[in-house]
N, C-alpha and C. Protein backbone atom coordinates (compact mmCIF):
# COMPACT_ATOMS: atom_id res chain seq x y z
N ARG A 1 6.39 8.57 -5.50
CA ARG A 1 5.20 7.96 -4.92
C ARG A 1 4.90 6.63 -5.61
N CYS A 2 4.44 5.70 -4.85
CA CYS A 2 4.09 4.39 -5.40
C CYS A 2 2.78 4.51 -6.17
N PRO A 3 2.76 4.13 -7.44
CA PRO A 3 1.53 4.24 -8.22
C PRO A 3 0.42 3.32 -7.71
N ALA A 4 0.77 2.26 -6.99
CA ALA A 4 -0.26 1.39 -6.45
C ALA A 4 -1.04 2.08 -5.34
N CYS A 5 -0.36 2.97 -4.60
CA CYS A 5 -1.00 3.65 -3.48
C CYS A 5 -1.54 5.02 -3.85
N PHE A 6 -0.84 5.74 -4.71
CA PHE A 6 -1.17 7.14 -4.95
C PHE A 6 -1.59 7.42 -6.38
N SER A 7 -2.06 6.43 -7.09
CA SER A 7 -2.43 6.64 -8.48
C SER A 7 -3.67 5.82 -8.79
N GLY A 8 -4.20 6.02 -9.94
CA GLY A 8 -5.35 5.26 -10.38
C GLY A 8 -5.46 5.34 -11.89
N LEU A 9 -6.34 4.57 -12.45
CA LEU A 9 -6.51 4.59 -13.90
C LEU A 9 -7.39 5.75 -14.32
N VAL A 10 -8.30 6.16 -13.44
CA VAL A 10 -9.22 7.26 -13.76
C VAL A 10 -9.22 8.24 -12.59
N HIS A 11 -9.17 9.53 -12.89
CA HIS A 11 -9.21 10.55 -11.84
C HIS A 11 -10.42 11.43 -12.06
N ASP A 12 -11.21 11.62 -11.02
CA ASP A 12 -12.38 12.50 -11.06
C ASP A 12 -12.04 13.76 -10.27
N PRO A 13 -11.78 14.89 -10.96
CA PRO A 13 -11.36 16.10 -10.26
C PRO A 13 -12.43 16.69 -9.35
N THR A 14 -13.67 16.23 -9.47
CA THR A 14 -14.73 16.74 -8.59
C THR A 14 -14.71 16.07 -7.22
N GLN A 15 -13.95 14.99 -7.08
CA GLN A 15 -13.87 14.25 -5.82
C GLN A 15 -12.59 14.61 -5.07
N LEU A 16 -12.66 14.60 -3.74
CA LEU A 16 -11.50 14.89 -2.91
C LEU A 16 -10.45 13.78 -3.05
N VAL A 17 -10.91 12.53 -3.09
CA VAL A 17 -10.01 11.39 -3.25
C VAL A 17 -10.56 10.46 -4.32
N ASP A 18 -9.68 9.66 -4.93
CA ASP A 18 -10.13 8.68 -5.92
C ASP A 18 -10.57 7.39 -5.25
N VAL A 19 -9.89 7.01 -4.19
CA VAL A 19 -10.20 5.75 -3.52
C VAL A 19 -9.79 5.89 -2.06
N GLU A 20 -10.56 5.30 -1.19
CA GLU A 20 -10.22 5.30 0.23
C GLU A 20 -10.29 3.85 0.69
N VAL A 21 -9.22 3.37 1.27
CA VAL A 21 -9.12 1.96 1.63
C VAL A 21 -8.79 1.84 3.11
N CYS A 22 -9.43 0.88 3.75
CA CYS A 22 -9.10 0.56 5.12
C CYS A 22 -8.71 -0.92 5.13
N ALA A 23 -7.48 -1.21 5.49
CA ALA A 23 -7.01 -2.60 5.47
C ALA A 23 -6.43 -2.95 6.84
N ASP A 24 -6.63 -4.20 7.24
CA ASP A 24 -6.09 -4.68 8.50
C ASP A 24 -4.77 -5.40 8.21
N ALA A 25 -3.68 -4.83 8.63
CA ALA A 25 -2.38 -5.42 8.36
C ALA A 25 -1.82 -6.14 9.58
N CYS A 26 -2.68 -6.54 10.45
CA CYS A 26 -2.28 -7.17 11.71
C CYS A 26 -2.36 -8.68 11.55
N PHE A 27 -1.58 -9.42 11.10
CA PHE A 27 -1.65 -10.79 10.65
C PHE A 27 -2.34 -11.78 11.60
N THR A 28 -3.44 -11.41 12.21
CA THR A 28 -4.11 -12.32 13.15
C THR A 28 -5.22 -13.11 12.49
N GLN A 29 -5.46 -12.91 11.23
CA GLN A 29 -6.57 -13.60 10.57
C GLN A 29 -6.39 -15.12 10.57
N LYS A 30 -5.17 -15.61 10.58
CA LYS A 30 -4.94 -17.06 10.55
C LYS A 30 -5.51 -17.75 11.79
N ARG A 31 -5.45 -17.09 12.94
CA ARG A 31 -5.97 -17.70 14.16
C ARG A 31 -7.47 -17.88 14.09
N ARG A 32 -8.13 -17.13 13.28
CA ARG A 32 -9.57 -17.14 13.19
C ARG A 32 -10.11 -18.43 12.57
N ARG A 33 -9.33 -19.11 11.79
CA ARG A 33 -9.81 -20.30 11.07
C ARG A 33 -10.16 -21.45 12.01
N LYS A 34 -9.48 -21.54 13.12
CA LYS A 34 -9.71 -22.67 14.03
C LYS A 34 -10.39 -22.18 15.30
N GLY A 35 -11.58 -22.63 15.52
CA GLY A 35 -12.26 -22.40 16.78
C GLY A 35 -12.67 -20.98 17.11
N ALA A 36 -12.85 -20.17 16.12
CA ALA A 36 -13.29 -18.80 16.41
C ALA A 36 -14.74 -18.81 16.87
N ARG A 37 -15.05 -18.04 17.91
CA ARG A 37 -16.41 -18.00 18.43
C ARG A 37 -17.20 -16.81 17.89
N ASP A 38 -16.49 -15.76 17.51
CA ASP A 38 -17.18 -14.58 17.00
C ASP A 38 -17.50 -14.73 15.52
N PRO A 39 -18.64 -14.21 15.10
CA PRO A 39 -18.94 -14.26 13.67
C PRO A 39 -18.01 -13.31 12.92
N PRO A 40 -17.75 -13.60 11.65
CA PRO A 40 -16.88 -12.69 10.89
C PRO A 40 -17.50 -11.31 10.79
N ARG A 41 -16.67 -10.29 10.93
CA ARG A 41 -17.15 -8.92 10.81
C ARG A 41 -17.01 -8.49 9.35
N ILE A 42 -18.11 -8.29 8.70
CA ILE A 42 -18.10 -7.85 7.31
C ILE A 42 -18.80 -6.51 7.24
N HIS A 43 -18.09 -5.53 6.73
CA HIS A 43 -18.66 -4.19 6.62
C HIS A 43 -19.79 -4.23 5.59
N PRO A 44 -20.93 -3.62 5.88
CA PRO A 44 -22.07 -3.68 4.96
C PRO A 44 -21.81 -2.99 3.62
N ASN A 45 -20.83 -2.10 3.57
CA ASN A 45 -20.54 -1.41 2.31
C ASN A 45 -19.24 -1.89 1.68
N SER A 46 -18.86 -3.15 1.93
CA SER A 46 -17.63 -3.68 1.35
C SER A 46 -17.76 -3.75 -0.16
N VAL A 47 -16.67 -3.41 -0.82
CA VAL A 47 -16.63 -3.44 -2.28
C VAL A 47 -15.38 -4.19 -2.69
N PHE A 48 -15.52 -5.11 -3.63
CA PHE A 48 -14.38 -5.85 -4.13
C PHE A 48 -14.10 -5.43 -5.56
N VAL A 49 -12.84 -5.22 -5.88
CA VAL A 49 -12.43 -4.83 -7.22
C VAL A 49 -12.46 -6.07 -8.11
N GLN A 50 -13.00 -5.91 -9.31
CA GLN A 50 -13.04 -7.03 -10.24
C GLN A 50 -11.62 -7.42 -10.65
N GLU A 51 -11.43 -8.71 -10.91
CA GLU A 51 -10.09 -9.20 -11.23
C GLU A 51 -9.50 -8.52 -12.47
N ALA A 52 -10.32 -8.28 -13.47
CA ALA A 52 -9.84 -7.61 -14.69
C ALA A 52 -9.33 -6.20 -14.38
N THR A 53 -10.04 -5.49 -13.49
CA THR A 53 -9.61 -4.14 -13.10
C THR A 53 -8.30 -4.20 -12.32
N ALA A 54 -8.18 -5.19 -11.42
CA ALA A 54 -6.94 -5.35 -10.65
C ALA A 54 -5.77 -5.66 -11.58
N ASP A 55 -5.99 -6.53 -12.57
CA ASP A 55 -4.94 -6.85 -13.53
C ASP A 55 -4.54 -5.62 -14.34
N GLN A 56 -5.53 -4.83 -14.74
CA GLN A 56 -5.25 -3.62 -15.51
C GLN A 56 -4.43 -2.63 -14.67
N MET A 57 -4.79 -2.47 -13.41
CA MET A 57 -4.05 -1.57 -12.54
C MET A 57 -2.64 -2.10 -12.29
N GLY A 58 -2.51 -3.41 -12.15
CA GLY A 58 -1.19 -4.02 -11.97
C GLY A 58 -0.28 -3.74 -13.16
N ALA A 59 -0.83 -3.84 -14.36
CA ALA A 59 -0.06 -3.54 -15.57
C ALA A 59 0.35 -2.07 -15.58
N HIS A 60 -0.57 -1.19 -15.16
CA HIS A 60 -0.27 0.25 -15.10
C HIS A 60 0.86 0.52 -14.11
N VAL A 61 0.80 -0.10 -12.95
CA VAL A 61 1.84 0.09 -11.93
C VAL A 61 3.19 -0.39 -12.46
N ASP A 62 3.21 -1.57 -13.09
CA ASP A 62 4.46 -2.09 -13.63
C ASP A 62 5.04 -1.16 -14.70
N GLU A 63 4.17 -0.54 -15.46
CA GLU A 63 4.60 0.35 -16.54
C GLU A 63 5.23 1.64 -16.00
N VAL A 64 4.66 2.21 -14.95
CA VAL A 64 5.15 3.50 -14.45
C VAL A 64 6.15 3.40 -13.31
N ARG A 65 6.28 2.23 -12.71
CA ARG A 65 7.22 2.05 -11.60
C ARG A 65 8.64 2.06 -12.14
N PRO A 66 9.59 2.69 -11.43
CA PRO A 66 10.98 2.71 -11.91
C PRO A 66 11.59 1.32 -11.93
N ALA A 67 12.60 1.15 -12.76
CA ALA A 67 13.28 -0.14 -12.87
C ALA A 67 13.87 -0.53 -11.53
N ARG A 68 13.85 -1.82 -11.26
CA ARG A 68 14.41 -2.29 -9.99
C ARG A 68 15.92 -2.45 -10.14
N GLY A 69 16.59 -2.30 -9.05
CA GLY A 69 18.04 -2.45 -9.07
C GLY A 69 18.67 -1.47 -8.10
N ARG A 70 19.96 -1.63 -7.91
CA ARG A 70 20.66 -0.78 -6.95
C ARG A 70 20.64 0.69 -7.34
N SER A 71 20.82 0.98 -8.63
CA SER A 71 20.90 2.38 -9.04
C SER A 71 19.57 3.10 -8.82
N ALA A 72 18.46 2.44 -9.12
CA ALA A 72 17.15 3.07 -8.90
C ALA A 72 16.90 3.27 -7.41
N LYS A 73 17.28 2.28 -6.59
CA LYS A 73 17.08 2.39 -5.15
C LYS A 73 17.97 3.49 -4.56
N LYS A 74 19.23 3.56 -5.03
CA LYS A 74 20.14 4.59 -4.54
C LYS A 74 19.62 5.97 -4.88
N ALA A 75 19.17 6.14 -6.11
CA ALA A 75 18.66 7.44 -6.55
C ALA A 75 17.43 7.83 -5.73
N ARG A 76 16.55 6.85 -5.47
CA ARG A 76 15.34 7.13 -4.70
C ARG A 76 15.70 7.49 -3.26
N THR A 77 16.66 6.78 -2.67
CA THR A 77 17.08 7.07 -1.30
C THR A 77 17.70 8.46 -1.21
N GLN A 78 18.52 8.82 -2.18
CA GLN A 78 19.14 10.15 -2.18
C GLN A 78 18.07 11.23 -2.30
N ALA A 79 17.08 11.03 -3.18
CA ALA A 79 16.01 12.02 -3.35
C ALA A 79 15.20 12.16 -2.07
N GLU A 80 14.99 11.04 -1.36
CA GLU A 80 14.23 11.09 -0.12
C GLU A 80 14.99 11.89 0.95
N LYS A 81 16.32 11.76 0.97
CA LYS A 81 17.10 12.51 1.94
C LYS A 81 17.01 14.00 1.66
N GLU A 82 16.98 14.35 0.38
CA GLU A 82 16.91 15.76 0.01
C GLU A 82 15.53 16.34 0.28
N ASP A 83 14.48 15.55 0.05
CA ASP A 83 13.12 16.06 0.19
C ASP A 83 12.41 15.29 1.30
N ASP A 84 12.57 15.73 2.54
CA ASP A 84 11.94 15.05 3.66
C ASP A 84 10.77 15.90 4.16
N SER A 85 9.95 16.33 3.22
CA SER A 85 8.80 17.15 3.57
C SER A 85 7.65 16.25 4.02
N TYR A 86 6.54 16.86 4.34
CA TYR A 86 5.38 16.11 4.80
C TYR A 86 4.54 15.66 3.62
N GLU A 87 3.91 14.50 3.77
CA GLU A 87 3.03 13.94 2.75
C GLU A 87 1.64 14.52 2.94
N GLY A 88 1.21 15.34 2.02
CA GLY A 88 -0.12 15.95 2.11
C GLY A 88 -0.15 17.06 3.14
N ALA A 89 -1.26 17.79 3.16
CA ALA A 89 -1.38 18.94 4.06
C ALA A 89 -1.78 18.52 5.48
N SER A 90 -2.57 17.47 5.61
CA SER A 90 -3.10 17.11 6.92
C SER A 90 -2.27 16.04 7.64
N LEU A 91 -1.42 15.30 6.91
CA LEU A 91 -0.63 14.24 7.52
C LEU A 91 0.68 14.81 8.04
N LYS A 92 0.86 14.83 9.33
CA LYS A 92 2.03 15.45 9.96
C LYS A 92 3.14 14.44 10.20
N VAL A 93 3.43 13.60 9.22
CA VAL A 93 4.48 12.61 9.33
C VAL A 93 5.44 12.81 8.15
N PRO A 94 6.74 12.94 8.40
CA PRO A 94 7.69 13.12 7.30
C PRO A 94 7.71 11.91 6.37
N ARG A 95 8.01 12.15 5.13
CA ARG A 95 8.07 11.07 4.14
C ARG A 95 9.07 10.00 4.54
N SER A 96 10.20 10.39 5.13
CA SER A 96 11.22 9.41 5.52
C SER A 96 10.65 8.40 6.52
N VAL A 97 9.80 8.84 7.42
CA VAL A 97 9.18 7.95 8.41
C VAL A 97 8.23 6.98 7.72
N LEU A 98 7.43 7.50 6.79
CA LEU A 98 6.50 6.64 6.06
C LEU A 98 7.25 5.59 5.25
N ASN A 99 8.35 5.98 4.63
CA ASN A 99 9.13 5.04 3.82
C ASN A 99 9.77 3.97 4.69
N GLU A 100 10.29 4.33 5.86
CA GLU A 100 10.84 3.35 6.79
C GLU A 100 9.77 2.38 7.25
N CYS A 101 8.58 2.89 7.52
CA CYS A 101 7.47 2.04 7.94
C CYS A 101 7.14 1.03 6.85
N GLU A 102 7.10 1.48 5.60
CA GLU A 102 6.80 0.59 4.48
C GLU A 102 7.86 -0.51 4.37
N THR A 103 9.14 -0.14 4.49
CA THR A 103 10.23 -1.10 4.41
C THR A 103 10.12 -2.13 5.53
N SER A 104 9.84 -1.67 6.73
CA SER A 104 9.69 -2.56 7.87
C SER A 104 8.51 -3.51 7.68
N PHE A 105 7.40 -2.99 7.16
CA PHE A 105 6.22 -3.82 6.93
C PHE A 105 6.53 -4.93 5.93
N LYS A 106 7.22 -4.59 4.84
CA LYS A 106 7.56 -5.59 3.82
C LYS A 106 8.44 -6.68 4.42
N ALA A 107 9.43 -6.30 5.23
CA ALA A 107 10.32 -7.27 5.85
C ALA A 107 9.54 -8.19 6.79
N THR A 108 8.64 -7.64 7.56
CA THR A 108 7.82 -8.43 8.48
C THR A 108 6.92 -9.37 7.72
N ASP A 109 6.33 -8.90 6.64
CA ASP A 109 5.44 -9.73 5.84
C ASP A 109 6.20 -10.89 5.23
N GLU A 110 7.42 -10.67 4.75
CA GLU A 110 8.21 -11.76 4.18
C GLU A 110 8.53 -12.81 5.23
N LYS A 111 8.86 -12.38 6.45
CA LYS A 111 9.13 -13.33 7.53
C LYS A 111 7.89 -14.13 7.88
N ARG A 112 6.72 -13.48 7.86
CA ARG A 112 5.48 -14.16 8.18
C ARG A 112 5.19 -15.23 7.13
N GLU A 113 5.41 -14.91 5.85
CA GLU A 113 5.16 -15.88 4.78
C GLU A 113 6.08 -17.08 4.91
N LYS A 114 7.35 -16.86 5.26
CA LYS A 114 8.29 -17.96 5.43
C LYS A 114 7.89 -18.85 6.59
N ALA A 115 7.30 -18.29 7.64
CA ALA A 115 6.91 -19.05 8.82
C ALA A 115 5.64 -19.86 8.58
N SER A 116 4.88 -19.52 7.56
CA SER A 116 3.60 -20.21 7.31
C SER A 116 3.79 -21.61 6.80
């Protein structure tokens, strides 16, 4: 599991989840800068993480994330083939599908950045 998505610096066992995030990954925000007629939609309960906390979490993720390279990726891919169970009790999507989605998203995001 990716520590950026499934981990945190502090865990409260009395809570069902540590953090719940809703993010828009639909790269249409750039069109909004020019000539948008609608006011920006800002959720009244928006919370922003302080930069120091984000840096601390980034250091934690770098510390626990496996080394990059072919051998780490091969080992991870082999483990995923062996364990293609479901993520969590309520999510009815196999881990292999979620991992493919993540890979596809990263590739799309890199292409979008190059086009900017």
